Amino acid sequence: MATGSIKVGDTVAITATIRKRVTEDRVAVLIPSYHQPHSIVDTTLNISSGQKIELTGEVVRVDEDTVTVGGQYLGITLKRSAVRLVASHVAPKRKTST
């Protein structure tokens, strides 16, 4: 899925699977290559176990084979193969004085 083109600041997507509703506003999700329990805020009423959900976040750190994704729902380190590039970060251009 992901190639070597992922860098800090890029927006990436992770496809997670709904496990169960924990409370009325939180659901437990299963994230590929992340072997820890994780839950997110989701107030959707029509949600069922096994349903796929896409989580997006910004890349905070890139290592050889792992990517750390931060954002509203995330703050986790995963394998590069578990993320999909959504938008590449382009640094702002500097203005030159004339």
N, C-alpha and C. Protein backbone atom coordinates (compact mmCIF):
# COMPACT_ATOMS: atom_id res chain seq x y z
N MET A 1 0.82 -1.19 0.00
CA MET A 1 0.00 0.00 0.00
C MET A 1 0.86 1.25 0.00
N ALA A 2 1.59 1.44 1.08
CA ALA A 2 2.39 2.65 1.21
C ALA A 2 3.77 2.41 0.63
N THR A 3 4.29 3.41 -0.02
CA THR A 3 5.62 3.31 -0.58
C THR A 3 6.56 4.18 0.23
N GLY A 4 7.78 4.34 -0.25
CA GLY A 4 8.76 5.14 0.46
C GLY A 4 8.49 6.63 0.39
N SER A 5 7.38 7.02 -0.21
CA SER A 5 7.11 8.44 -0.41
C SER A 5 6.41 9.09 0.78
N ILE A 6 6.13 8.38 1.84
CA ILE A 6 5.46 8.96 3.00
C ILE A 6 6.48 9.73 3.82
N LYS A 7 6.13 10.98 4.16
CA LYS A 7 7.04 11.81 4.94
C LYS A 7 6.26 12.53 6.02
N VAL A 8 6.96 13.16 6.94
CA VAL A 8 6.34 13.89 8.05
C VAL A 8 5.46 15.01 7.49
N GLY A 9 4.25 15.10 8.02
CA GLY A 9 3.31 16.13 7.59
C GLY A 9 2.27 15.63 6.60
N ASP A 10 2.48 14.46 6.01
CA ASP A 10 1.51 13.90 5.06
C ASP A 10 0.25 13.46 5.80
N THR A 11 -0.87 13.50 5.11
CA THR A 11 -2.12 12.97 5.64
C THR A 11 -2.29 11.55 5.13
N VAL A 12 -2.51 10.62 6.05
CA VAL A 12 -2.67 9.21 5.70
C VAL A 12 -3.99 8.68 6.24
N ALA A 13 -4.45 7.58 5.66
CA ALA A 13 -5.70 6.94 6.08
C ALA A 13 -5.40 5.52 6.53
N ILE A 14 -6.14 5.08 7.54
CA ILE A 14 -6.05 3.73 8.06
C ILE A 14 -7.44 3.13 8.04
N THR A 15 -7.58 1.93 7.50
CA THR A 15 -8.87 1.26 7.49
C THR A 15 -8.95 0.36 8.72
N ALA A 16 -9.85 0.71 9.64
CA ALA A 16 -10.02 -0.03 10.88
C ALA A 16 -11.36 -0.78 10.83
N THR A 17 -11.48 -1.81 11.66
CA THR A 17 -12.70 -2.60 11.74
C THR A 17 -13.34 -2.37 13.10
N ILE A 18 -14.65 -2.11 13.11
CA ILE A 18 -15.39 -1.91 14.35
C ILE A 18 -15.50 -3.25 15.08
N ARG A 19 -15.15 -3.25 16.35
CA ARG A 19 -15.29 -4.47 17.16
C ARG A 19 -16.60 -4.48 17.93
N LYS A 20 -16.83 -3.41 18.72
CA LYS A 20 -18.07 -3.33 19.48
C LYS A 20 -18.23 -1.91 20.01
N ARG A 21 -19.43 -1.59 20.44
CA ARG A 21 -19.68 -0.29 21.06
C ARG A 21 -19.33 -0.41 22.54
N VAL A 22 -18.48 0.49 23.03
CA VAL A 22 -18.03 0.46 24.41
C VAL A 22 -18.98 1.26 25.29
N THR A 23 -19.25 2.49 24.89
CA THR A 23 -20.24 3.34 25.55
C THR A 23 -21.10 3.94 24.46
N GLU A 24 -22.03 4.82 24.83
CA GLU A 24 -22.89 5.38 23.80
C GLU A 24 -22.16 6.31 22.84
N ASP A 25 -20.98 6.79 23.22
CA ASP A 25 -20.25 7.67 22.31
C ASP A 25 -18.87 7.13 21.91
N ARG A 26 -18.50 5.91 22.30
CA ARG A 26 -17.21 5.33 21.95
C ARG A 26 -17.38 3.92 21.38
N VAL A 27 -16.51 3.59 20.41
CA VAL A 27 -16.49 2.24 19.84
C VAL A 27 -15.07 1.71 19.87
N ALA A 28 -14.94 0.42 20.08
CA ALA A 28 -13.64 -0.25 20.04
C ALA A 28 -13.35 -0.62 18.59
N VAL A 29 -12.13 -0.36 18.14
CA VAL A 29 -11.75 -0.65 16.76
C VAL A 29 -10.51 -1.54 16.74
N LEU A 30 -10.39 -2.31 15.66
CA LEU A 30 -9.24 -3.16 15.41
C LEU A 30 -8.45 -2.52 14.28
N ILE A 31 -7.21 -2.13 14.57
CA ILE A 31 -6.37 -1.46 13.58
C ILE A 31 -5.30 -2.44 13.13
N PRO A 32 -5.13 -2.62 11.80
CA PRO A 32 -4.12 -3.55 11.30
C PRO A 32 -2.72 -3.17 11.77
N SER A 33 -1.93 -4.14 12.14
CA SER A 33 -0.55 -4.04 12.60
C SER A 33 -0.38 -3.25 13.89
N TYR A 34 -1.48 -2.96 14.59
CA TYR A 34 -1.41 -2.30 15.89
C TYR A 34 -2.03 -3.27 16.88
N HIS A 35 -1.23 -3.88 17.71
CA HIS A 35 -1.67 -4.98 18.55
C HIS A 35 -2.06 -4.55 19.96
N GLN A 36 -2.72 -3.41 20.06
CA GLN A 36 -3.19 -2.90 21.33
C GLN A 36 -4.67 -2.55 21.19
N PRO A 37 -5.44 -2.62 22.26
CA PRO A 37 -6.84 -2.18 22.18
C PRO A 37 -6.90 -0.69 21.91
N HIS A 38 -7.86 -0.28 21.10
CA HIS A 38 -8.00 1.14 20.76
C HIS A 38 -9.48 1.46 20.62
N SER A 39 -9.89 2.61 21.12
CA SER A 39 -11.27 3.04 20.95
C SER A 39 -11.28 4.48 20.48
N ILE A 40 -12.33 4.84 19.77
CA ILE A 40 -12.47 6.19 19.23
C ILE A 40 -13.85 6.73 19.57
N VAL A 41 -14.00 8.02 19.50
CA VAL A 41 -15.30 8.65 19.71
C VAL A 41 -16.09 8.53 18.42
N ASP A 42 -17.27 7.96 18.49
CA ASP A 42 -18.15 7.83 17.33
C ASP A 42 -19.59 7.78 17.83
N THR A 43 -20.37 8.79 17.52
CA THR A 43 -21.75 8.87 17.99
C THR A 43 -22.75 8.37 16.96
N THR A 44 -22.27 7.75 15.88
CA THR A 44 -23.16 7.20 14.86
C THR A 44 -24.03 6.11 15.48
N LEU A 45 -25.34 6.19 15.22
CA LEU A 45 -26.26 5.20 15.79
C LEU A 45 -26.23 3.88 15.05
N ASN A 46 -26.14 3.92 13.74
CA ASN A 46 -26.21 2.70 12.93
C ASN A 46 -24.81 2.15 12.67
N ILE A 47 -24.21 1.60 13.67
CA ILE A 47 -22.88 1.03 13.54
C ILE A 47 -22.95 -0.42 14.00
N SER A 48 -22.24 -1.31 13.29
CA SER A 48 -22.30 -2.72 13.65
C SER A 48 -20.90 -3.32 13.68
N SER A 49 -20.77 -4.41 14.39
CA SER A 49 -19.51 -5.11 14.50
C SER A 49 -19.09 -5.63 13.13
N GLY A 50 -17.82 -5.46 12.80
CA GLY A 50 -17.30 -5.90 11.51
C GLY A 50 -17.32 -4.83 10.44
N GLN A 51 -17.95 -3.73 10.71
CA GLN A 51 -18.03 -2.63 9.74
C GLN A 51 -16.67 -1.96 9.62
N LYS A 52 -16.29 -1.56 8.40
CA LYS A 52 -15.02 -0.89 8.16
C LYS A 52 -15.21 0.62 8.33
N ILE A 53 -14.19 1.27 8.88
CA ILE A 53 -14.21 2.71 9.07
C ILE A 53 -12.82 3.24 8.71
N GLU A 54 -12.78 4.41 8.10
CA GLU A 54 -11.51 4.99 7.69
C GLU A 54 -11.13 6.11 8.65
N LEU A 55 -9.94 6.00 9.23
CA LEU A 55 -9.43 7.00 10.14
C LEU A 55 -8.29 7.74 9.45
N THR A 56 -8.29 9.06 9.54
CA THR A 56 -7.23 9.83 8.92
C THR A 56 -6.44 10.57 9.98
N GLY A 57 -5.20 10.80 9.69
CA GLY A 57 -4.32 11.53 10.61
C GLY A 57 -3.09 12.02 9.89
N GLU A 58 -2.30 12.77 10.60
CA GLU A 58 -1.09 13.35 10.04
C GLU A 58 0.12 12.57 10.53
N VAL A 59 1.07 12.34 9.64
CA VAL A 59 2.29 11.61 9.98
C VAL A 59 3.16 12.50 10.86
N VAL A 60 3.55 11.96 12.02
CA VAL A 60 4.36 12.70 12.97
C VAL A 60 5.82 12.24 12.90
N ARG A 61 6.02 10.95 12.62
CA ARG A 61 7.37 10.39 12.57
C ARG A 61 7.42 9.26 11.56
N VAL A 62 8.54 9.15 10.87
CA VAL A 62 8.75 8.08 9.89
C VAL A 62 10.05 7.37 10.22
N ASP A 63 9.99 6.05 10.37
CA ASP A 63 11.18 5.23 10.56
C ASP A 63 11.33 4.33 9.34
N GLU A 64 12.23 3.36 9.40
CA GLU A 64 12.47 2.49 8.26
C GLU A 64 11.22 1.76 7.80
N ASP A 65 10.53 1.10 8.74
CA ASP A 65 9.35 0.32 8.34
C ASP A 65 8.10 0.69 9.14
N THR A 66 8.18 1.74 9.95
CA THR A 66 7.01 2.15 10.73
C THR A 66 6.71 3.63 10.53
N VAL A 67 5.45 3.98 10.80
CA VAL A 67 4.98 5.35 10.68
C VAL A 67 4.18 5.67 11.93
N THR A 68 4.43 6.82 12.55
CA THR A 68 3.65 7.25 13.70
C THR A 68 2.64 8.27 13.20
N VAL A 69 1.37 7.99 13.47
CA VAL A 69 0.28 8.84 12.99
C VAL A 69 -0.36 9.52 14.19
N GLY A 70 -0.48 10.81 14.13
CA GLY A 70 -1.13 11.58 15.18
C GLY A 70 -2.38 12.22 14.62
N GLY A 71 -3.22 12.68 15.48
CA GLY A 71 -4.45 13.33 15.04
C GLY A 71 -5.50 13.25 16.11
N GLN A 72 -6.70 13.60 15.74
CA GLN A 72 -7.81 13.63 16.69
C GLN A 72 -8.10 12.25 17.27
N TYR A 73 -8.09 11.21 16.46
CA TYR A 73 -8.42 9.87 16.92
C TYR A 73 -7.20 9.02 17.21
N LEU A 74 -6.06 9.40 16.66
CA LEU A 74 -4.91 8.52 16.67
C LEU A 74 -3.76 9.07 17.49
N GLY A 75 -2.72 8.36 17.54
CA GLY A 75 -1.49 8.66 18.23
C GLY A 75 -0.76 7.35 18.36
N ILE A 76 -0.65 6.65 17.22
CA ILE A 76 -0.17 5.27 17.23
C ILE A 76 0.93 5.07 16.20
N THR A 77 1.73 4.03 16.41
CA THR A 77 2.79 3.66 15.48
C THR A 77 2.39 2.36 14.80
N LEU A 78 2.42 2.37 13.46
CA LEU A 78 2.04 1.19 12.68
C LEU A 78 3.07 0.89 11.61
N LYS A 79 2.91 -0.25 10.97
CA LYS A 79 3.74 -0.58 9.82
C LYS A 79 3.31 0.29 8.64
N ARG A 80 4.24 0.57 7.76
CA ARG A 80 3.94 1.38 6.57
C ARG A 80 2.86 0.74 5.71
N SER A 81 2.80 -0.58 5.70
CA SER A 81 1.83 -1.27 4.84
C SER A 81 0.40 -1.08 5.32
N ALA A 82 0.19 -0.59 6.55
CA ALA A 82 -1.15 -0.42 7.09
C ALA A 82 -1.74 0.95 6.78
N VAL A 83 -0.95 1.85 6.22
CA VAL A 83 -1.44 3.20 5.95
C VAL A 83 -1.51 3.46 4.45
N ARG A 84 -2.38 4.39 4.09
CA ARG A 84 -2.55 4.78 2.68
C ARG A 84 -2.40 6.30 2.61
N LEU A 85 -1.58 6.78 1.68
CA LEU A 85 -1.35 8.20 1.52
C LEU A 85 -2.60 8.87 0.96
N VAL A 86 -3.09 9.91 1.63
CA VAL A 86 -4.26 10.66 1.17
C VAL A 86 -3.82 11.97 0.52
N ALA A 87 -2.98 12.72 1.22
CA ALA A 87 -2.49 14.00 0.69
C ALA A 87 -1.06 14.21 1.14
N SER A 88 -0.22 14.60 0.21
CA SER A 88 1.18 14.84 0.52
C SER A 88 1.34 16.27 1.02
N HIS A 89 2.19 16.43 2.03
CA HIS A 89 2.45 17.76 2.60
C HIS A 89 3.43 18.51 1.71
N VAL A 90 3.09 19.74 1.37
CA VAL A 90 3.97 20.59 0.58
C VAL A 90 4.33 21.78 1.46
N ALA A 91 5.62 21.93 1.68
CA ALA A 91 6.09 23.03 2.52
C ALA A 91 5.81 24.37 1.84
N PRO A 92 5.47 25.41 2.59
CA PRO A 92 5.23 26.71 1.99
C PRO A 92 6.50 27.28 1.38
N LYS A 93 6.35 27.98 0.28
CA LYS A 93 7.50 28.60 -0.41
C LYS A 93 7.90 29.86 0.32
N ARG A 94 9.17 30.08 0.42
CA ARG A 94 9.68 31.30 1.02
C ARG A 94 9.63 32.43 0.02
N LYS A 95 9.28 33.59 0.50
CA LYS A 95 9.29 34.76 -0.37
C LYS A 95 10.68 35.37 -0.33
N THR A 96 11.17 35.69 -1.48
CA THR A 96 12.49 36.32 -1.53
C THR A 96 12.33 37.83 -1.55
N SER A 97 13.20 38.51 -0.88
CA SER A 97 13.12 39.98 -0.88
C SER A 97 13.75 40.52 -2.14
N THR A 98 13.16 41.56 -2.65
CA THR A 98 13.67 42.14 -3.90
C THR A 98 14.19 43.53 -3.70
